[in-house]
Each structure stands twice: as C-alpha cells, then as structure tokens.
N, C-alpha and C. Protein backbone atom coordinates (compact mmCIF):
# COMPACT_ATOMS: atom_id res chain seq x y z
N MET A 1 7.03 -57.59 8.74
CA MET A 1 7.70 -58.33 9.80
C MET A 1 8.05 -57.43 10.98
N ALA A 2 8.57 -56.23 10.69
CA ALA A 2 8.93 -55.31 11.78
C ALA A 2 7.69 -54.94 12.59
N TRP A 3 6.53 -54.78 11.89
CA TRP A 3 5.30 -54.46 12.60
C TRP A 3 4.94 -55.58 13.56
N ASN A 4 5.11 -56.85 13.13
CA ASN A 4 4.81 -57.98 13.99
C ASN A 4 5.67 -57.97 15.24
N LEU A 5 6.96 -57.63 15.09
CA LEU A 5 7.85 -57.57 16.26
C LEU A 5 7.42 -56.43 17.19
N LEU A 6 7.05 -55.29 16.61
CA LEU A 6 6.58 -54.18 17.42
C LEU A 6 5.30 -54.57 18.15
N PHE A 7 4.36 -55.19 17.44
CA PHE A 7 3.11 -55.63 18.04
C PHE A 7 3.38 -56.62 19.16
N TYR A 8 4.32 -57.53 18.94
CA TYR A 8 4.64 -58.53 19.94
C TYR A 8 5.17 -57.88 21.21
N ASN A 9 6.04 -56.90 21.05
CA ASN A 9 6.62 -56.23 22.22
C ASN A 9 5.58 -55.41 22.98
N ILE A 10 4.64 -54.80 22.25
CA ILE A 10 3.60 -54.01 22.90
C ILE A 10 2.61 -54.94 23.60
N MET A 11 2.24 -56.00 22.93
CA MET A 11 1.21 -56.90 23.45
C MET A 11 1.82 -57.98 24.35
N ASN A 12 2.27 -57.56 25.50
CA ASN A 12 2.80 -58.50 26.47
C ASN A 12 2.18 -58.27 27.84
N ASP A 13 1.04 -57.58 27.85
CA ASP A 13 0.37 -57.23 29.10
C ASP A 13 -0.70 -58.25 29.43
N ILE A 14 -0.76 -58.57 30.71
CA ILE A 14 -1.79 -59.46 31.23
C ILE A 14 -2.56 -58.71 32.31
N LEU A 15 -3.87 -58.86 32.28
CA LEU A 15 -4.71 -58.31 33.33
C LEU A 15 -5.02 -59.42 34.32
N LEU A 16 -4.66 -59.20 35.57
CA LEU A 16 -4.87 -60.17 36.65
C LEU A 16 -5.90 -59.57 37.60
N CYS A 17 -7.00 -60.28 37.79
CA CYS A 17 -8.08 -59.77 38.64
C CYS A 17 -8.36 -60.73 39.78
N SER A 18 -8.19 -60.22 40.99
CA SER A 18 -8.52 -61.00 42.18
C SER A 18 -8.59 -60.07 43.39
N SER A 19 -9.48 -60.39 44.30
CA SER A 19 -9.52 -59.67 45.57
C SER A 19 -8.67 -60.38 46.62
N ASP A 20 -8.07 -61.50 46.24
CA ASP A 20 -7.25 -62.30 47.14
C ASP A 20 -5.78 -61.95 46.95
N PRO A 21 -5.16 -61.27 47.93
CA PRO A 21 -3.76 -60.86 47.78
C PRO A 21 -2.79 -62.04 47.64
N ILE A 22 -3.13 -63.18 48.20
CA ILE A 22 -2.26 -64.36 48.08
C ILE A 22 -2.29 -64.87 46.64
N PHE A 23 -3.47 -64.87 46.02
CA PHE A 23 -3.60 -65.27 44.62
C PHE A 23 -2.76 -64.35 43.73
N VAL A 24 -2.91 -63.04 43.93
CA VAL A 24 -2.17 -62.06 43.14
C VAL A 24 -0.67 -62.23 43.34
N LYS A 25 -0.24 -62.35 44.58
CA LYS A 25 1.19 -62.48 44.87
C LYS A 25 1.77 -63.75 44.26
N SER A 26 1.03 -64.84 44.30
CA SER A 26 1.55 -66.10 43.77
C SER A 26 1.71 -66.05 42.26
N LEU A 27 0.82 -65.35 41.56
CA LEU A 27 0.91 -65.27 40.11
C LEU A 27 1.82 -64.15 39.62
N TYR A 28 1.83 -63.04 40.32
CA TYR A 28 2.55 -61.85 39.86
C TYR A 28 4.02 -62.15 39.58
N GLY A 29 4.69 -62.75 40.53
CA GLY A 29 6.13 -63.00 40.39
C GLY A 29 6.46 -63.92 39.23
N ILE A 30 5.75 -65.03 39.10
CA ILE A 30 6.06 -65.99 38.05
C ILE A 30 5.72 -65.42 36.67
N LEU A 31 4.67 -64.62 36.58
CA LEU A 31 4.33 -64.01 35.29
C LEU A 31 5.36 -62.96 34.89
N ARG A 32 5.82 -62.17 35.85
CA ARG A 32 6.88 -61.18 35.56
C ARG A 32 8.16 -61.89 35.12
N GLU A 33 8.51 -62.97 35.81
CA GLU A 33 9.72 -63.73 35.44
C GLU A 33 9.60 -64.30 34.03
N ASP A 34 8.38 -64.60 33.59
CA ASP A 34 8.15 -65.14 32.26
C ASP A 34 8.06 -64.04 31.20
N GLY A 35 8.24 -62.78 31.61
CA GLY A 35 8.31 -61.68 30.65
C GLY A 35 7.04 -60.88 30.45
N TYR A 36 6.02 -61.11 31.25
CA TYR A 36 4.77 -60.39 31.11
C TYR A 36 4.77 -59.12 31.96
N ASP A 37 4.05 -58.11 31.50
CA ASP A 37 3.75 -56.93 32.29
C ASP A 37 2.35 -57.15 32.85
N ILE A 38 2.19 -56.92 34.14
CA ILE A 38 0.95 -57.26 34.82
C ILE A 38 0.22 -56.01 35.29
N ASP A 39 -1.05 -55.91 34.96
CA ASP A 39 -1.94 -54.92 35.55
C ASP A 39 -2.87 -55.68 36.49
N ILE A 40 -3.18 -55.07 37.62
CA ILE A 40 -3.99 -55.75 38.64
C ILE A 40 -5.29 -55.00 38.86
N ALA A 41 -6.39 -55.75 38.88
CA ALA A 41 -7.70 -55.21 39.24
C ALA A 41 -8.17 -55.94 40.48
N GLY A 42 -8.68 -55.20 41.45
CA GLY A 42 -9.13 -55.79 42.71
C GLY A 42 -10.52 -56.39 42.67
N HIS A 43 -11.28 -56.07 41.62
CA HIS A 43 -12.62 -56.66 41.49
C HIS A 43 -12.98 -56.74 40.01
N THR A 44 -13.97 -57.56 39.71
CA THR A 44 -14.27 -57.89 38.32
C THR A 44 -14.83 -56.71 37.52
N ALA A 45 -15.61 -55.84 38.14
CA ALA A 45 -16.14 -54.69 37.40
C ALA A 45 -15.00 -53.80 36.92
N LEU A 46 -14.00 -53.61 37.75
CA LEU A 46 -12.81 -52.84 37.36
C LEU A 46 -12.06 -53.57 36.25
N ALA A 47 -11.97 -54.88 36.34
CA ALA A 47 -11.28 -55.66 35.31
C ALA A 47 -11.95 -55.50 33.95
N VAL A 48 -13.28 -55.50 33.93
CA VAL A 48 -14.00 -55.31 32.67
C VAL A 48 -13.66 -53.94 32.08
N ARG A 49 -13.71 -52.92 32.91
CA ARG A 49 -13.38 -51.57 32.43
C ARG A 49 -11.94 -51.49 31.92
N MET A 50 -11.01 -52.07 32.66
CA MET A 50 -9.60 -52.05 32.24
C MET A 50 -9.40 -52.81 30.93
N ALA A 51 -10.10 -53.92 30.76
CA ALA A 51 -9.98 -54.71 29.53
C ALA A 51 -10.45 -53.91 28.32
N PHE A 52 -11.45 -53.07 28.51
CA PHE A 52 -11.95 -52.23 27.41
C PHE A 52 -11.00 -51.09 27.09
N GLU A 53 -10.24 -50.65 28.08
CA GLU A 53 -9.37 -49.49 27.90
C GLU A 53 -7.99 -49.82 27.36
N LYS A 54 -7.56 -51.06 27.49
CA LYS A 54 -6.19 -51.42 27.11
C LYS A 54 -6.18 -52.82 26.51
N GLY A 55 -5.30 -53.05 25.57
CA GLY A 55 -5.17 -54.38 24.97
C GLY A 55 -4.35 -55.31 25.84
N TYR A 56 -4.82 -56.51 26.02
CA TYR A 56 -4.11 -57.52 26.82
C TYR A 56 -3.94 -58.79 26.00
N VAL A 57 -2.85 -59.52 26.27
CA VAL A 57 -2.68 -60.82 25.63
C VAL A 57 -3.54 -61.86 26.32
N ALA A 58 -3.93 -61.58 27.57
CA ALA A 58 -4.81 -62.48 28.30
C ALA A 58 -5.37 -61.76 29.53
N VAL A 59 -6.51 -62.23 29.97
CA VAL A 59 -7.13 -61.74 31.20
C VAL A 59 -7.32 -62.95 32.10
N ILE A 60 -6.81 -62.86 33.33
CA ILE A 60 -6.96 -63.93 34.31
C ILE A 60 -7.90 -63.43 35.40
N LEU A 61 -9.02 -64.13 35.59
CA LEU A 61 -10.02 -63.74 36.58
C LEU A 61 -10.12 -64.81 37.66
N ASP A 62 -10.02 -64.39 38.90
CA ASP A 62 -10.21 -65.27 40.04
C ASP A 62 -11.68 -65.23 40.42
N SER A 63 -12.20 -66.36 40.87
CA SER A 63 -13.60 -66.40 41.30
C SER A 63 -13.78 -65.49 42.51
N ASP A 64 -14.91 -64.80 42.52
CA ASP A 64 -15.20 -63.86 43.60
C ASP A 64 -16.69 -63.92 43.90
N ASP A 65 -17.02 -63.97 45.16
CA ASP A 65 -18.42 -64.09 45.56
C ASP A 65 -19.14 -62.76 45.68
N VAL A 66 -18.41 -61.67 45.58
CA VAL A 66 -19.00 -60.35 45.79
C VAL A 66 -19.11 -59.62 44.44
N GLY A 67 -20.26 -59.01 44.21
CA GLY A 67 -20.44 -58.21 43.00
C GLY A 67 -20.56 -59.05 41.75
N LEU A 68 -20.04 -58.53 40.66
CA LEU A 68 -20.07 -59.19 39.36
C LEU A 68 -19.25 -60.48 39.44
N SER A 69 -19.84 -61.60 39.05
CA SER A 69 -19.11 -62.86 39.11
C SER A 69 -18.02 -62.89 38.04
N SER A 70 -17.01 -63.71 38.26
CA SER A 70 -15.94 -63.82 37.26
C SER A 70 -16.47 -64.42 35.97
N GLY A 71 -17.43 -65.32 36.06
CA GLY A 71 -18.03 -65.89 34.86
C GLY A 71 -18.76 -64.84 34.04
N GLU A 72 -19.51 -63.98 34.71
CA GLU A 72 -20.22 -62.92 33.99
C GLU A 72 -19.24 -61.89 33.42
N ALA A 73 -18.21 -61.56 34.18
CA ALA A 73 -17.18 -60.64 33.67
C ALA A 73 -16.51 -61.24 32.44
N ALA A 74 -16.24 -62.54 32.47
CA ALA A 74 -15.64 -63.21 31.31
C ALA A 74 -16.56 -63.14 30.11
N ARG A 75 -17.86 -63.36 30.32
CA ARG A 75 -18.83 -63.27 29.22
C ARG A 75 -18.81 -61.88 28.57
N ILE A 76 -18.78 -60.85 29.40
CA ILE A 76 -18.77 -59.48 28.89
C ILE A 76 -17.50 -59.23 28.08
N ILE A 77 -16.36 -59.58 28.65
CA ILE A 77 -15.08 -59.36 27.96
C ILE A 77 -15.03 -60.14 26.65
N LEU A 78 -15.43 -61.39 26.69
CA LEU A 78 -15.39 -62.23 25.48
C LEU A 78 -16.36 -61.72 24.41
N ARG A 79 -17.48 -61.19 24.83
CA ARG A 79 -18.47 -60.69 23.86
C ARG A 79 -17.99 -59.41 23.18
N VAL A 80 -17.36 -58.53 23.95
CA VAL A 80 -16.95 -57.24 23.41
C VAL A 80 -15.53 -57.28 22.85
N MET A 81 -14.65 -58.00 23.49
CA MET A 81 -13.23 -58.02 23.10
C MET A 81 -12.90 -59.38 22.49
N THR A 82 -13.46 -59.67 21.35
CA THR A 82 -13.22 -60.97 20.72
C THR A 82 -11.74 -61.14 20.45
N GLY A 83 -11.26 -62.32 20.71
CA GLY A 83 -9.85 -62.63 20.47
C GLY A 83 -8.97 -62.50 21.70
N VAL A 84 -9.49 -61.95 22.79
CA VAL A 84 -8.70 -61.85 24.02
C VAL A 84 -8.96 -63.10 24.85
N PRO A 85 -7.92 -63.90 25.10
CA PRO A 85 -8.12 -65.09 25.93
C PRO A 85 -8.48 -64.70 27.36
N VAL A 86 -9.50 -65.36 27.89
CA VAL A 86 -9.92 -65.15 29.27
C VAL A 86 -9.75 -66.47 30.01
N ILE A 87 -9.00 -66.39 31.11
CA ILE A 87 -8.69 -67.57 31.91
C ILE A 87 -9.35 -67.39 33.27
N LEU A 88 -10.17 -68.36 33.65
CA LEU A 88 -10.87 -68.31 34.93
C LEU A 88 -10.24 -69.29 35.91
N ALA A 89 -9.97 -68.81 37.10
CA ALA A 89 -9.39 -69.66 38.14
C ALA A 89 -10.49 -70.16 39.06
N GLY A 90 -10.55 -71.47 39.21
CA GLY A 90 -11.48 -72.05 40.17
C GLY A 90 -12.93 -72.04 39.75
N GLU A 91 -13.22 -71.90 38.49
CA GLU A 91 -14.60 -71.88 38.00
C GLU A 91 -14.92 -73.19 37.31
N ASN A 92 -16.08 -73.75 37.60
CA ASN A 92 -16.51 -74.97 36.93
C ASN A 92 -17.38 -74.68 35.71
N LEU A 93 -18.21 -73.65 35.81
CA LEU A 93 -19.09 -73.27 34.70
C LEU A 93 -18.42 -72.17 33.90
N LEU A 94 -17.95 -72.53 32.71
CA LEU A 94 -17.21 -71.58 31.89
C LEU A 94 -18.07 -71.04 30.76
N PRO A 95 -17.98 -69.73 30.54
CA PRO A 95 -18.64 -69.22 29.34
C PRO A 95 -17.89 -69.71 28.10
N GLU A 96 -18.59 -69.78 26.99
CA GLU A 96 -17.96 -70.24 25.76
C GLU A 96 -16.77 -69.36 25.42
N GLY A 97 -15.64 -70.00 25.15
CA GLY A 97 -14.43 -69.27 24.79
C GLY A 97 -13.46 -69.06 25.93
N ALA A 98 -13.88 -69.33 27.16
CA ALA A 98 -12.99 -69.15 28.31
C ALA A 98 -12.24 -70.45 28.59
N VAL A 99 -11.14 -70.30 29.30
CA VAL A 99 -10.29 -71.43 29.68
C VAL A 99 -10.23 -71.45 31.21
N SER A 100 -10.09 -72.63 31.78
CA SER A 100 -10.06 -72.76 33.23
C SER A 100 -8.69 -73.21 33.73
N ILE A 101 -8.31 -72.70 34.88
CA ILE A 101 -7.16 -73.22 35.62
C ILE A 101 -7.67 -73.61 37.01
N SER A 102 -7.08 -74.64 37.56
CA SER A 102 -7.57 -75.16 38.84
C SER A 102 -6.99 -74.37 40.01
N LYS A 103 -7.71 -74.43 41.11
CA LYS A 103 -7.24 -73.88 42.38
C LYS A 103 -7.20 -75.01 43.37
N PRO A 104 -6.23 -75.10 44.22
CA PRO A 104 -5.11 -74.17 44.34
C PRO A 104 -4.25 -74.19 43.08
N LEU A 105 -3.59 -73.06 42.85
CA LEU A 105 -2.85 -72.86 41.61
C LEU A 105 -1.65 -73.77 41.50
N ASP A 106 -1.49 -74.31 40.31
CA ASP A 106 -0.25 -74.98 39.90
C ASP A 106 0.41 -73.98 38.95
N LEU A 107 1.48 -73.33 39.40
CA LEU A 107 2.07 -72.24 38.63
C LEU A 107 2.56 -72.68 37.26
N GLU A 108 3.06 -73.89 37.15
CA GLU A 108 3.48 -74.40 35.83
C GLU A 108 2.26 -74.57 34.91
N GLU A 109 1.13 -74.99 35.47
CA GLU A 109 -0.10 -75.11 34.68
C GLU A 109 -0.52 -73.74 34.15
N VAL A 110 -0.42 -72.72 34.98
CA VAL A 110 -0.78 -71.37 34.56
C VAL A 110 0.07 -70.93 33.38
N LEU A 111 1.38 -71.13 33.49
CA LEU A 111 2.27 -70.75 32.39
C LEU A 111 1.98 -71.54 31.13
N GLU A 112 1.71 -72.82 31.27
CA GLU A 112 1.40 -73.65 30.10
C GLU A 112 0.10 -73.21 29.43
N VAL A 113 -0.90 -72.89 30.23
CA VAL A 113 -2.17 -72.40 29.68
C VAL A 113 -1.94 -71.08 28.93
N LEU A 114 -1.16 -70.18 29.52
CA LEU A 114 -0.86 -68.91 28.86
C LEU A 114 -0.13 -69.13 27.54
N ARG A 115 0.83 -70.01 27.53
CA ARG A 115 1.56 -70.29 26.29
C ARG A 115 0.63 -70.89 25.24
N THR A 116 -0.26 -71.75 25.67
CA THR A 116 -1.19 -72.37 24.74
C THR A 116 -2.15 -71.35 24.15
N VAL A 117 -2.76 -70.51 24.99
CA VAL A 117 -3.71 -69.53 24.46
C VAL A 117 -3.01 -68.49 23.60
N ARG A 118 -1.79 -68.14 23.95
CA ARG A 118 -1.05 -67.18 23.12
C ARG A 118 -0.76 -67.78 21.75
N SER A 119 -0.34 -69.03 21.71
CA SER A 119 -0.03 -69.63 20.41
C SER A 119 -1.31 -69.83 19.59
N PHE A 120 -2.44 -70.04 20.25
CA PHE A 120 -3.71 -70.19 19.56
C PHE A 120 -4.22 -68.85 19.04
N HIS A 121 -4.15 -67.80 19.88
CA HIS A 121 -4.68 -66.49 19.50
C HIS A 121 -3.70 -65.67 18.67
N PHE A 122 -2.40 -65.94 18.79
CA PHE A 122 -1.38 -65.22 18.04
C PHE A 122 -0.47 -66.24 17.36
N PRO A 123 -0.97 -66.99 16.36
CA PRO A 123 -0.23 -68.10 15.78
C PRO A 123 1.06 -67.70 15.09
N GLU A 124 1.20 -66.44 14.65
CA GLU A 124 2.42 -66.04 13.97
C GLU A 124 3.60 -65.97 14.93
N ARG A 125 3.32 -65.98 16.23
CA ARG A 125 4.38 -65.96 17.23
C ARG A 125 4.42 -67.32 17.90
N SER A 126 5.42 -68.07 17.60
CA SER A 126 5.50 -69.41 18.19
C SER A 126 5.86 -69.31 19.65
N VAL A 127 5.49 -70.32 20.40
CA VAL A 127 5.79 -70.36 21.83
C VAL A 127 7.30 -70.37 22.04
N SER A 128 8.05 -70.99 21.16
CA SER A 128 9.49 -71.06 21.33
C SER A 128 10.17 -69.71 21.20
N SER A 129 9.48 -68.72 20.62
CA SER A 129 10.09 -67.39 20.47
C SER A 129 9.88 -66.52 21.69
N LEU A 130 9.20 -67.03 22.72
CA LEU A 130 8.96 -66.23 23.93
C LEU A 130 10.22 -66.04 24.72
C-alpha cells in the first residue's frame, strides 16, 4: 500500500505539447490547480523524446501542421509506451488507443477526460482520491 501511495505521488506529471502559446497557457493553469506537474514540449518530436525519458500519467498533444503530426507522435508513444494515455486536441483521425478533446478547449472537458483516463489506466486509484 505504501508503494502505491509513493507511486501515486511520483506519477502526477503530464506532458503538454503545443506550439500554440495560448493553448499551453489555457491548459497549464487549470492542470496545475488540479494538482498536476506539467512539462511542456514545443513540438511533437520533442514530446516523443520526453515521453521516452520520463513517466507521465498522460500526454496531451495539440494538432500541428509542421513536422511530425500529432497523430503520428501519438502512434509512436502508444506503440512504445503502452499504458500511457495520449490525448489529442482537435484531431479527427485518432490512432488506436488515443482519446480526443475538442477545440476550442472546454477546460472542464479536459479535466474530465484526464480523470477518466487516469481511473482507466490506474484503477487502484479512484478519481475521488485525487
């Protein structure tokens, strides 16, 4: 049980990837208020590298027209890092295992999606214990 509490406290990091500063700013504050520690990647290739280097409770990818697409980055992360929830913002074509949030962002929807994927991927920690 103590290990689960330690794991829970360590695993509270979210990777947020977007080249749009307004997207980052809108999510950063509400996620911090909800108790998450946020790492930010400015582009998807960096997000993939960061996801491999550190454990995250979730990865949020914003659609980007330049370089590696968010859908392809999600496929790579999901293939290599099984069990890490990947949330795509503004994407219609989702790789298997990814979850979508709509744009423009509904901040309550984002929090609800995070709570849902956390309870699905980490069932021993109920949402009410957050």
